[in-house]
Amino acid sequence: MSVEGYVVAGLVVVLAVIGGRLLAGRLRVPDAIVLVALGMVLGVLPWPRAVSVSPEVVLLVFLPPLIYNAAFFSSPRDMRLQGRPIVVMAVGTTLLTAFGLAGIVYWLMPEVSWPAAIALGAAIAPTDAVAASAILKRVGTPRRVLTILEGESLINDGVALTLFTLAVTAMAHPLTVTGGAVELVKVVAGGLAYGAVVALAVSWSRTRMQDPSLLLMVTLITPFVAYVPAEMAGFSGVLAAVVAGFYLGTRGEGLLPPRVRVNGRTIWRVLVSLLESSLFVLLGLQLDAVVASVEAHTYSFLLLVGVAVAVTAAAVLLRMVLVVAVAPVQRSIPGVRVDLGNVRERTVIGWSGMRGAVSLAIALSLPTALGGEPFTERGALVFVAGVVVLGTLVGQGMTLPALLRRLGMVSEGAHDREYLTAEVEMDAAALREVEELLSSGDIDQESADSLRSAYARRLDHSRTLMDGGDAARERWEGRLAAHHRITQARRDALESLYREGRIDHDVFQSVGKALDLGDGGAGPNG
């Protein structure tokens, strides 16, 4: 396919993502189902069927930003407090799941070699906390459950992809135990070290940049700078991206100006959403060719569906057994203490093990050829991985809210209460600072009175919302609606001035940007 063909194919995928997400919102079904269905529809058409994405493109384009983004926005304090259970889940549970699923795949599909089965197990072993976190945050699940899930999801990507890399290497060149151990040390140690170097270099460069555009450029290329050279050197690009993202994420507040942070979050949110959605469309595009390829070789379609369903059920059951039943056993072992919470919390952690975009990206990166010969089982393995991802996202994702209600782990409004607590403490700190500025002579009495009045009103408003219940919230929502109408009136006046030629374009853009930032605030208080 020509360069123009790839550009048009990219546009078609993006349009499918936009249309699919709009349709999913209307139908109130998970995005993944609609996106895969649209991809399958496109795959029936003659021209899109010719679209193929090489495994190298998936690894180099999709994985770095997805992994870096998850690491960057993680909570280091919470992860440190729950470090032991996170490590046990991310390493122990992921490896046991990967090898357990590999055994099932090898048993059901004997034509698949052990390394290939382990590669598939590694692809579908890591969980994706994005879908679960959105549900858990909305219903107010205990913070430690969220922290364990998010921390596990961050680290298990590196564990799984390291195992996947070793398995793919063994598929082409058999590894001895000693050779595998040496390769593992090189991959892990090299990835960690190189990621730390990139993090320090980017941190140093950011402090010497003032141009917001340059800062955003550095932010966008950092995951690729961490991932690509590490992979070229034979190290773990995933671990390098995780280390760089985690280090820079903990220091982002001091390294980037506020407006750059706001713009950066918006850009990353759009980029990650586009990449994740595109993977599901690409899966749909490839399913038709995958099924045709599989049927032409070894497996019937019904057999392949049976294997995929069995592996999906095993993936869910194996995690539930490891988290709910096996975790308490370690408490009887002297010197071992890994607290995954009570049985209700363990049940939620076990059922929240949905697979997501990273598993899909790893599976799609399986090689198309080994030693110059076509890898005929690739289509079957990609199909199984796709069914596992869709099955867990839909099955577990749609039933998780009901499970939380059944277990009594719903606490509506907990996030809002924390938000208001932060508002109260910040406004109180602002009032104290006003008094300090007045006593030191840095501001005059009139300025102090104006600032004191503004922050006292904000403080009183936040306290009222905390203590006033539904009536206070309704008043706040009314004030918020009024605030938006007032902002729109100001925007209309600005546009009238511009149309009449009373202000130039630069002033129009600058004032409009200030209005946009103000309208994105918490409400009528700013």
Protein backbone atom coordinates (compact mmCIF):
# COMPACT_ATOMS: atom_id res chain seq x y z
CA MET A 1 0.00 0.00 0.00
CA SER A 2 1.26 3.50 -0.88
CA VAL A 3 1.90 6.29 1.60
CA GLU A 4 -1.34 7.96 0.48
CA GLY A 5 -3.15 4.70 1.12
CA TYR A 6 -1.89 4.54 4.68
CA VAL A 7 -2.89 8.16 5.30
CA VAL A 8 -6.40 7.52 4.03
CA ALA A 9 -6.55 4.28 6.05
CA GLY A 10 -5.60 6.24 9.17
CA LEU A 11 -8.36 8.75 8.48
CA VAL A 12 -10.87 5.93 8.02
CA VAL A 13 -9.87 4.41 11.37
CA VAL A 14 -10.16 7.78 13.13
CA LEU A 15 -13.59 8.38 11.59
CA ALA A 16 -14.62 4.89 12.69
CA VAL A 17 -13.46 5.70 16.23
CA ILE A 18 -15.49 8.93 16.32
CA GLY A 19 -18.58 7.32 14.83
CA GLY A 20 -18.26 4.23 17.01
CA ARG A 21 -17.99 6.15 20.25
CA LEU A 22 -20.96 8.36 19.34
CA LEU A 23 -23.02 5.28 18.49
CA ALA A 24 -21.95 3.47 21.67
CA GLY A 25 -23.07 6.46 23.73
CA ARG A 26 -26.46 6.45 22.04
CA LEU A 27 -26.90 2.69 22.44
CA ARG A 28 -25.44 2.70 25.99
CA VAL A 29 -23.17 -0.24 25.28
CA PRO A 30 -19.40 -0.54 25.82
CA ASP A 31 -17.32 1.30 23.22
CA ALA A 32 -15.24 -1.80 22.50
CA ILE A 33 -18.18 -3.77 21.10
CA VAL A 34 -19.22 -1.08 18.62
CA LEU A 35 -15.63 -0.31 17.58
CA VAL A 36 -14.82 -3.95 16.83
CA ALA A 37 -18.13 -4.32 14.97
CA LEU A 38 -17.35 -1.25 12.84
CA GLY A 39 -13.89 -2.63 12.15
CA MET A 40 -15.44 -5.92 11.00
CA VAL A 41 -17.85 -4.04 8.71
CA LEU A 42 -14.95 -2.10 7.22
CA GLY A 43 -13.03 -5.35 6.86
CA VAL A 44 -15.71 -6.74 4.55
CA LEU A 45 -15.16 -3.90 2.08
CA PRO A 46 -12.48 -4.57 -0.59
CA TRP A 47 -10.21 -1.57 0.04
CA PRO A 48 -10.01 -1.54 3.88
CA ARG A 49 -9.37 -5.29 3.83
CA ALA A 50 -5.97 -4.50 2.29
CA VAL A 51 -5.04 -2.44 5.37
CA SER A 52 -2.48 -4.27 7.49
CA VAL A 53 -0.56 -2.97 10.45
CA SER A 54 2.78 -4.63 11.07
CA PRO A 55 3.56 -5.90 14.59
CA GLU A 56 6.46 -3.44 14.80
CA VAL A 57 4.12 -0.49 14.23
CA VAL A 58 1.82 -1.67 17.02
CA LEU A 59 4.73 -1.97 19.44
CA LEU A 60 6.41 1.30 18.50
CA VAL A 61 3.36 3.55 18.01
CA PHE A 62 0.69 2.31 20.40
CA LEU A 63 2.46 0.87 23.44
CA PRO A 64 4.84 3.70 24.45
CA PRO A 65 2.22 6.45 25.02
CA LEU A 66 -0.29 4.07 26.62
CA ILE A 67 2.21 2.77 29.16
CA TYR A 68 3.86 6.14 29.81
CA ASN A 69 0.48 7.81 30.38
CA ALA A 70 -0.54 5.21 32.97
CA ALA A 71 2.75 5.64 34.83
CA PHE A 72 2.73 9.44 34.64
CA PHE A 73 -0.71 9.83 36.25
CA SER A 74 -0.25 7.22 38.97
CA SER A 75 -0.22 8.13 42.67
CA PRO A 76 3.25 7.51 44.16
CA ARG A 77 2.10 8.05 47.76
CA ASP A 78 -0.77 5.56 47.54
CA MET A 79 1.35 3.05 45.64
CA ARG A 80 4.07 3.28 48.29
CA LEU A 81 1.55 2.58 51.06
CA GLN A 82 0.18 -0.45 49.20
CA GLY A 83 3.52 -1.47 47.70
CA ARG A 84 3.62 -5.07 48.90
CA PRO A 85 0.18 -6.20 47.67
CA ILE A 86 0.75 -4.31 44.41
CA VAL A 87 4.04 -6.12 43.74
CA VAL A 88 2.55 -9.50 44.66
CA MET A 89 -0.40 -8.93 42.34
CA ALA A 90 1.63 -7.41 39.49
CA VAL A 91 4.39 -10.03 39.53
CA GLY A 92 3.04 -13.16 41.20
CA THR A 93 -0.53 -13.12 39.90
CA THR A 94 0.52 -12.01 36.41
CA LEU A 95 3.15 -14.75 36.01
CA LEU A 96 0.90 -17.48 37.44
CA THR A 97 -1.93 -16.35 35.18
CA ALA A 98 0.34 -16.22 32.13
CA PHE A 99 1.73 -19.72 32.63
CA GLY A 100 -1.67 -21.11 33.65
CA LEU A 101 -3.34 -19.77 30.52
CA ALA A 102 -0.38 -20.93 28.42
CA GLY A 103 -0.93 -24.46 29.73
CA ILE A 104 -4.61 -24.35 28.82
CA VAL A 105 -3.85 -23.01 25.32
CA TYR A 106 -1.19 -25.71 24.78
CA TRP A 107 -3.61 -28.40 25.95
CA LEU A 108 -6.49 -27.21 23.75
CA MET A 109 -4.30 -26.35 20.73
CA PRO A 110 -1.42 -28.88 20.67
CA GLU A 111 -0.19 -27.54 17.32
CA VAL A 112 0.88 -24.35 19.10
CA SER A 113 4.41 -24.53 20.52
CA TRP A 114 5.10 -23.88 24.20
CA PRO A 115 6.84 -20.54 23.54
CA ALA A 116 3.89 -19.38 21.41
CA ALA A 117 1.42 -20.45 24.11
CA ILE A 118 3.45 -18.56 26.73
CA ALA A 119 3.51 -15.50 24.45
CA LEU A 120 -0.30 -15.57 24.28
CA GLY A 121 -0.54 -16.13 28.04
CA ALA A 122 1.72 -13.13 28.60
CA ALA A 123 -0.41 -11.00 26.27
CA ILE A 124 -3.70 -11.69 28.06
CA ALA A 125 -2.37 -11.91 31.62
CA PRO A 126 -2.03 -8.17 32.47
CA THR A 127 -5.15 -6.38 33.63
CA ASP A 128 -6.24 -2.91 32.54
CA ALA A 129 -7.56 -0.82 35.43
CA VAL A 130 -8.99 1.98 33.27
CA ALA A 131 -12.49 0.56 32.84
CA ALA A 132 -12.70 -0.73 36.42
CA SER A 133 -11.36 2.52 37.91
CA ALA A 134 -14.01 4.61 36.15
CA ILE A 135 -16.75 2.48 37.72
CA LEU A 136 -15.12 2.21 41.14
CA LYS A 137 -14.51 5.96 41.39
CA ARG A 138 -18.08 6.72 40.40
CA VAL A 139 -19.59 4.58 43.16
CA GLY A 140 -17.05 5.52 45.85
CA THR A 141 -15.21 2.22 46.38
CA PRO A 142 -12.50 2.28 49.11
CA ARG A 143 -9.34 4.03 47.94
CA ARG A 144 -7.02 1.11 48.72
CA VAL A 145 -8.90 -1.14 46.28
CA LEU A 146 -8.41 1.44 43.54
CA THR A 147 -4.75 1.90 44.43
CA ILE A 148 -4.01 -1.84 44.28
CA LEU A 149 -5.77 -2.21 40.93
CA GLU A 150 -4.09 0.83 39.37
CA GLY A 151 -0.66 -0.06 40.76
CA GLU A 152 -0.99 -3.65 39.60
CA SER A 153 -2.06 -2.52 36.13
CA LEU A 154 0.97 -0.23 35.89
CA ILE A 155 3.59 -2.80 36.84
CA ASN A 156 2.07 -5.93 35.28
CA ASP A 157 2.40 -4.44 31.79
CA GLY A 158 6.17 -4.46 32.20
CA VAL A 159 6.16 -7.97 33.68
CA ALA A 160 3.94 -9.34 30.91
CA LEU A 161 5.78 -7.69 28.02
CA THR A 162 9.15 -8.86 29.39
CA LEU A 163 7.84 -12.44 29.47
CA PHE A 164 6.31 -11.92 26.01
CA THR A 165 9.64 -10.73 24.61
CA LEU A 166 11.45 -13.77 26.00
CA ALA A 167 8.76 -16.10 24.63
CA VAL A 168 8.93 -14.54 21.15
CA THR A 169 12.72 -14.86 21.23
CA ALA A 170 12.38 -18.54 22.16
CA MET A 171 9.91 -19.06 19.28
CA ALA A 172 12.65 -18.17 16.80
CA HIS A 173 15.76 -19.24 18.73
CA PRO A 174 15.37 -21.81 21.53
CA LEU A 175 16.63 -20.51 24.89
CA THR A 176 18.37 -22.50 27.60
CA VAL A 177 17.61 -21.82 31.25
CA THR A 178 20.93 -20.04 31.67
CA GLY A 179 20.50 -18.08 28.46
CA GLY A 180 16.97 -17.12 29.45
CA ALA A 181 18.12 -15.93 32.89
CA VAL A 182 20.91 -13.82 31.39
CA GLU A 183 18.52 -12.34 28.83
CA LEU A 184 15.99 -11.57 31.57
CA VAL A 185 18.57 -9.72 33.69
CA LYS A 186 19.75 -7.74 30.66
CA VAL A 187 16.22 -6.82 29.58
CA VAL A 188 15.04 -5.77 33.04
CA ALA A 189 18.18 -4.06 34.33
CA GLY A 190 18.81 -2.29 31.03
CA GLY A 191 15.22 -1.05 30.81
CA LEU A 192 15.21 0.28 34.37
CA ALA A 193 18.57 2.00 33.99
CA TYR A 194 17.82 3.56 30.63
CA GLY A 195 14.40 4.74 31.83
CA ALA A 196 16.05 6.47 34.79
CA VAL A 197 18.55 8.20 32.47
CA VAL A 198 15.73 9.46 30.22
CA ALA A 199 13.74 10.69 33.21
CA LEU A 200 16.67 12.66 34.62
CA ALA A 201 17.55 14.10 31.19
CA VAL A 202 13.98 15.21 30.50
CA SER A 203 13.63 16.63 34.00
CA TRP A 204 16.83 18.66 33.54
CA SER A 205 15.78 19.93 30.11
CA ARG A 206 12.31 20.99 31.26
CA THR A 207 13.68 23.29 33.93
CA ARG A 208 15.61 25.18 31.23
CA MET A 209 12.70 25.67 28.84
CA GLN A 210 10.27 28.58 28.94
CA ASP A 211 8.41 28.12 25.65
CA PRO A 212 5.12 26.24 26.30
CA SER A 213 5.19 24.74 22.79
CA LEU A 214 8.63 23.23 23.38
CA LEU A 215 7.54 21.84 26.75
CA LEU A 216 4.53 20.16 25.15
CA MET A 217 6.74 18.75 22.37
CA VAL A 218 9.10 17.24 24.94
CA THR A 219 6.12 15.80 26.83
CA LEU A 220 4.80 14.09 23.70
CA ILE A 221 8.09 12.59 22.51
CA THR A 222 9.29 11.42 25.95
CA PRO A 223 7.54 7.99 25.85
CA PHE A 224 9.08 7.25 22.45
CA VAL A 225 12.52 8.44 23.54
CA ALA A 226 12.24 6.06 26.50
CA TYR A 227 10.77 3.11 24.62
CA VAL A 228 12.31 2.94 21.13
CA PRO A 229 16.08 3.16 21.92
CA ALA A 230 15.63 0.71 24.80
CA GLU A 231 14.04 -1.85 22.48
CA MET A 232 16.76 -1.26 19.87
CA ALA A 233 19.40 -1.96 22.51
CA GLY A 234 17.68 -5.20 23.57
CA PHE A 235 16.29 -3.77 26.81
CA SER A 236 12.70 -3.55 28.03
CA GLY A 237 11.11 -0.48 26.46
CA VAL A 238 8.05 -0.94 28.65
CA LEU A 239 10.07 -0.75 31.87
CA ALA A 240 11.97 2.28 30.53
CA ALA A 241 8.68 4.05 29.73
CA VAL A 242 7.23 3.14 33.14
CA VAL A 243 10.28 4.45 35.02
CA ALA A 244 10.37 7.68 33.00
CA GLY A 245 6.63 8.25 33.34
CA PHE A 246 6.54 7.50 37.06
CA TYR A 247 9.50 9.76 37.86
CA LEU A 248 8.32 12.68 35.73
CA GLY A 249 4.72 12.28 36.90
CA THR A 250 5.74 12.74 40.52
CA ARG A 251 7.59 15.94 39.62
CA GLY A 252 5.28 17.31 36.94
CA GLU A 253 3.76 20.00 39.17
CA GLY A 254 7.11 21.71 39.64
CA LEU A 255 8.54 21.17 36.15
CA LEU A 256 5.65 22.48 34.06
CA PRO A 257 3.79 25.80 34.27
CA PRO A 258 0.05 25.55 35.11
CA ARG A 259 -1.20 26.32 31.58
CA VAL A 260 1.15 23.75 30.06
CA ARG A 261 -0.15 21.16 32.53
CA VAL A 262 -3.75 21.93 31.58
CA ASN A 263 -3.03 21.70 27.85
CA GLY A 264 -0.87 18.62 28.34
CA ARG A 265 -3.60 16.74 30.21
CA THR A 266 -6.08 17.52 27.46
CA ILE A 267 -3.71 16.40 24.70
CA TRP A 268 -2.83 13.17 26.51
CA ARG A 269 -6.46 12.38 27.25
CA VAL A 270 -7.35 12.71 23.55
CA LEU A 271 -4.24 10.83 22.36
CA VAL A 272 -4.70 7.86 24.71
CA SER A 273 -8.42 7.64 23.96
CA LEU A 274 -7.71 7.67 20.21
CA LEU A 275 -4.99 5.01 20.45
CA GLU A 276 -7.06 2.68 22.65
CA SER A 277 -10.12 3.00 20.43
CA SER A 278 -8.07 2.55 17.24
CA LEU A 279 -6.76 -0.79 18.52
CA PHE A 280 -10.30 -2.16 18.74
CA VAL A 281 -11.09 -0.95 15.21
CA LEU A 282 -7.87 -2.58 13.94
CA LEU A 283 -8.85 -5.81 15.70
CA GLY A 284 -12.19 -5.76 13.88
CA LEU A 285 -10.43 -5.04 10.58
CA GLN A 286 -8.19 -8.06 11.04
CA LEU A 287 -10.80 -10.54 12.32
CA ASP A 288 -12.11 -11.44 8.88
CA ALA A 289 -8.61 -12.12 7.56
CA VAL A 290 -7.73 -13.93 10.80
CA VAL A 291 -10.69 -16.29 10.53
CA ALA A 292 -10.02 -16.95 6.82
CA SER A 293 -6.35 -17.67 7.54
CA VAL A 294 -7.17 -19.97 10.45
CA GLU A 295 -9.75 -21.97 8.52
CA ALA A 296 -7.28 -22.37 5.67
CA HIS A 297 -4.81 -24.09 7.96
CA THR A 298 -5.63 -26.13 11.03
CA TYR A 299 -8.69 -25.05 12.98
CA SER A 300 -12.39 -24.81 12.29
CA PHE A 301 -14.09 -21.59 13.31
CA LEU A 302 -16.30 -23.34 15.90
CA LEU A 303 -13.27 -24.99 17.49
CA LEU A 304 -11.50 -21.63 17.67
CA VAL A 305 -14.54 -19.99 19.28
CA GLY A 306 -14.68 -22.81 21.83
CA VAL A 307 -11.00 -22.38 22.67
CA ALA A 308 -11.42 -18.60 23.00
CA VAL A 309 -14.43 -18.96 25.33
CA ALA A 310 -12.60 -21.55 27.42
CA VAL A 311 -9.50 -19.35 27.76
CA THR A 312 -11.67 -16.35 28.67
CA ALA A 313 -13.44 -18.31 31.40
CA ALA A 314 -10.11 -19.65 32.64
CA ALA A 315 -8.62 -16.15 32.76
CA VAL A 316 -11.50 -14.90 34.94
CA LEU A 317 -11.63 -17.99 37.16
CA LEU A 318 -7.86 -18.22 37.65
CA ARG A 319 -7.65 -14.61 38.85
CA MET A 320 -10.59 -15.06 41.22
CA VAL A 321 -9.01 -18.18 42.71
CA LEU A 322 -5.60 -16.54 43.12
CA VAL A 323 -6.98 -13.34 44.69
CA VAL A 324 -9.93 -14.59 46.75
CA ALA A 325 -8.89 -18.09 47.78
CA VAL A 326 -5.08 -18.24 47.64
CA ALA A 327 -4.29 -14.79 49.06
CA PRO A 328 -5.47 -15.63 52.62
CA VAL A 329 -3.23 -18.73 52.68
CA GLN A 330 -0.08 -16.60 52.83
CA ARG A 331 -1.19 -15.22 56.21
CA SER A 332 -0.35 -18.59 57.79
CA ILE A 333 3.22 -18.46 56.46
CA PRO A 334 5.66 -16.96 59.02
CA GLY A 335 7.28 -13.72 57.91
CA VAL A 336 4.90 -13.24 54.97
CA ARG A 337 2.27 -10.52 55.16
CA VAL A 338 0.40 -9.32 52.09
CA ASP A 339 -2.89 -7.68 52.98
CA LEU A 340 -5.35 -7.67 50.08
CA GLY A 341 -8.20 -6.67 52.39
CA ASN A 342 -11.28 -8.54 53.51
CA VAL A 343 -13.18 -11.01 51.37
CA ARG A 344 -15.41 -8.29 49.87
CA GLU A 345 -12.41 -6.21 48.79
CA ARG A 346 -10.63 -9.28 47.40
CA THR A 347 -13.75 -10.22 45.44
CA VAL A 348 -13.88 -6.76 43.87
CA ILE A 349 -10.15 -6.85 43.09
CA GLY A 350 -10.55 -10.29 41.51
CA TRP A 351 -13.59 -9.36 39.42
CA SER A 352 -12.00 -6.09 38.27
CA GLY A 353 -9.39 -7.94 36.20
CA MET A 354 -10.60 -6.76 32.79
CA ARG A 355 -8.12 -6.90 29.93
CA GLY A 356 -7.74 -3.86 27.71
CA ALA A 357 -5.83 -2.04 25.02
CA VAL A 358 -2.35 -3.12 26.19
CA SER A 359 -3.26 -6.81 25.92
CA LEU A 360 -4.65 -6.15 22.47
CA ALA A 361 -1.51 -4.29 21.40
CA ILE A 362 0.75 -7.09 22.66
CA ALA A 363 -1.28 -9.75 20.85
CA LEU A 364 -1.31 -7.76 17.61
CA SER A 365 2.49 -7.49 17.85
CA LEU A 366 2.95 -11.28 17.49
CA PRO A 367 5.34 -11.87 14.58
CA THR A 368 3.92 -12.78 11.17
CA ALA A 369 6.91 -14.98 10.32
CA LEU A 370 9.46 -17.09 12.21
CA GLY A 371 12.81 -17.93 10.66
CA GLY A 372 11.58 -16.85 7.25
CA GLU A 373 8.50 -19.11 7.42
CA PRO A 374 4.93 -17.82 7.96
CA PHE A 375 3.73 -18.09 11.55
CA THR A 376 0.47 -19.87 10.71
CA GLU A 377 -0.85 -19.97 14.28
CA ARG A 378 -0.68 -16.17 14.66
CA GLY A 379 -4.26 -15.63 13.46
CA ALA A 380 -5.64 -18.11 15.97
CA LEU A 381 -3.73 -16.55 18.85
CA VAL A 382 -4.82 -13.01 17.93
CA PHE A 383 -8.43 -14.19 17.71
CA VAL A 384 -8.27 -15.80 21.17
CA ALA A 385 -6.70 -12.67 22.66
CA GLY A 386 -9.37 -10.46 21.08
CA VAL A 387 -12.18 -12.60 22.52
CA VAL A 388 -10.57 -12.51 25.99
CA VAL A 389 -10.28 -8.72 25.89
CA LEU A 390 -13.84 -8.21 24.67
CA GLY A 391 -15.27 -10.89 26.95
CA THR A 392 -13.74 -9.47 30.11
CA LEU A 393 -14.45 -5.84 29.22
CA VAL A 394 -18.11 -6.56 28.51
CA GLY A 395 -18.83 -9.40 30.92
CA GLN A 396 -16.98 -8.14 33.97
CA GLY A 397 -17.32 -4.44 33.18
CA MET A 398 -21.10 -4.52 32.85
CA THR A 399 -21.62 -6.67 35.95
CA LEU A 400 -19.16 -4.88 38.25
CA PRO A 401 -21.63 -2.15 39.40
CA ALA A 402 -24.19 -4.82 40.40
CA LEU A 403 -21.49 -6.75 42.28
CA LEU A 404 -20.45 -3.62 44.17
CA ARG A 405 -24.04 -2.93 45.21
CA ARG A 406 -24.52 -6.56 46.25
CA LEU A 407 -21.38 -6.44 48.42
CA GLY A 408 -22.41 -3.10 49.97
CA MET A 409 -19.31 -1.31 48.69
CA VAL A 410 -21.10 1.68 47.19
CA SER A 411 -20.48 5.06 48.82
CA GLU A 412 -21.95 7.73 46.56
CA GLY A 413 -20.43 11.18 46.86
CA ALA A 414 -17.14 10.15 48.49
CA HIS A 415 -15.10 11.74 45.70
CA ASP A 416 -17.11 14.96 45.92
CA ARG A 417 -16.53 15.16 49.67
CA GLU A 418 -12.77 14.83 49.19
CA TYR A 419 -12.92 17.54 46.52
CA LEU A 420 -14.76 19.91 48.87
CA THR A 421 -12.31 19.13 51.69
CA ALA A 422 -9.46 20.17 49.40
CA GLU A 423 -11.32 23.36 48.46
CA VAL A 424 -11.88 24.26 52.13
CA GLU A 425 -8.24 23.69 53.09
CA MET A 426 -6.91 25.65 50.08
CA ASP A 427 -9.21 28.62 50.71
CA ALA A 428 -8.27 28.64 54.40
CA ALA A 429 -4.59 28.65 53.39
CA ALA A 430 -5.28 31.54 50.99
CA LEU A 431 -6.88 33.58 53.80
CA ARG A 432 -3.89 32.97 56.05
CA GLU A 433 -1.56 34.07 53.25
CA VAL A 434 -3.58 37.29 52.76
CA GLU A 435 -3.06 38.15 56.43
CA GLU A 436 0.66 37.41 56.11
CA LEU A 437 0.94 39.69 53.05
CA LEU A 438 -0.93 42.47 54.87
CA SER A 439 1.18 42.24 58.02
CA SER A 440 4.42 42.29 56.01
CA GLY A 441 3.29 45.34 54.04
CA ASP A 442 3.32 43.58 50.66
CA ILE A 443 -0.32 44.61 50.01
CA ASP A 444 -2.40 47.54 51.26
CA GLN A 445 -5.57 47.36 53.35
CA GLU A 446 -7.94 47.83 50.41
CA SER A 447 -6.36 44.97 48.45
CA ALA A 448 -6.39 42.77 51.55
CA ASP A 449 -10.09 43.48 52.15
CA SER A 450 -10.93 42.61 48.53
CA LEU A 451 -8.95 39.36 48.58
CA ARG A 452 -10.22 38.44 52.05
CA SER A 453 -13.82 38.92 50.93
CA ALA A 454 -13.37 36.77 47.80
CA TYR A 455 -11.69 33.85 49.56
CA ALA A 456 -13.99 34.05 52.59
CA ARG A 457 -16.97 33.75 50.24
CA ARG A 458 -15.40 30.73 48.55
CA LEU A 459 -14.64 29.13 51.92
CA ASP A 460 -18.16 29.72 53.22
CA HIS A 461 -19.62 28.33 50.02
CA SER A 462 -17.54 25.11 50.17
CA ARG A 463 -18.39 24.55 53.85
CA THR A 464 -22.07 25.02 53.09
CA LEU A 465 -21.89 22.39 50.37
CA MET A 466 -20.15 19.97 52.75
CA ASP A 467 -22.71 20.43 55.53
CA GLY A 468 -25.88 21.45 53.74
CA GLY A 469 -26.87 18.25 51.94
CA ASP A 470 -29.14 18.16 48.88
CA ALA A 471 -30.61 21.64 49.35
CA ALA A 472 -27.16 23.26 49.33
CA ARG A 473 -26.17 21.19 46.29
CA GLU A 474 -29.26 22.32 44.39
CA ARG A 475 -28.41 25.96 45.18
CA TRP A 476 -24.85 25.36 43.96
CA GLU A 477 -26.09 23.78 40.73
CA GLY A 478 -28.35 26.81 40.20
CA ARG A 479 -25.43 29.16 40.75
CA LEU A 480 -23.31 27.06 38.39
CA ALA A 481 -25.94 27.34 35.66
CA ALA A 482 -26.13 31.10 36.24
CA HIS A 483 -22.32 31.29 36.07
CA HIS A 484 -22.31 29.58 32.67
CA ARG A 485 -25.03 31.92 31.35
CA ILE A 486 -23.10 34.97 32.58
CA THR A 487 -19.93 33.64 30.92
CA GLN A 488 -21.86 33.12 27.67
CA ALA A 489 -23.14 36.72 27.86
CA ARG A 490 -19.55 37.93 28.23
CA ARG A 491 -18.51 35.76 25.28
CA ASP A 492 -21.33 37.17 23.14
CA ALA A 493 -20.22 40.71 24.01
CA LEU A 494 -16.63 39.86 23.06
CA GLU A 495 -17.73 38.44 19.70
CA SER A 496 -19.82 41.58 19.03
CA LEU A 497 -16.81 43.79 19.69
CA TYR A 498 -14.73 41.72 17.27
CA ARG A 499 -17.38 41.73 14.54
CA GLU A 500 -17.75 45.50 14.86
CA GLY A 501 -13.99 45.96 14.47
CA ARG A 502 -13.52 47.57 17.90
CA ILE A 503 -10.86 45.04 18.96
CA ASP A 504 -8.24 43.23 16.86
CA HIS A 505 -7.84 39.50 16.40
CA ASP A 506 -5.05 39.09 18.98
CA VAL A 507 -7.14 40.70 21.72
CA PHE A 508 -10.13 38.58 20.70
CA GLN A 509 -8.07 35.37 20.96
CA SER A 510 -6.41 36.32 24.28
CA VAL A 511 -9.63 37.32 26.04
CA GLY A 512 -11.44 34.29 24.58
CA LYS A 513 -8.74 31.99 25.95
CA ALA A 514 -9.11 33.57 29.41
CA LEU A 515 -12.88 32.99 29.21
CA ASP A 516 -12.32 29.35 28.23
CA LEU A 517 -10.03 28.78 31.22
CA GLY A 518 -12.47 30.49 33.58
CA ASP A 519 -15.45 28.54 32.26
CA GLY A 520 -13.58 25.29 32.87
CA GLY A 521 -13.29 26.06 36.57
CA ALA A 522 -15.19 24.51 39.43
CA GLY A 523 -18.11 26.89 39.26
CA PRO A 524 -19.20 30.40 40.03
CA ASN A 525 -16.33 30.92 42.43
CA GLY A 526 -13.70 30.41 39.73
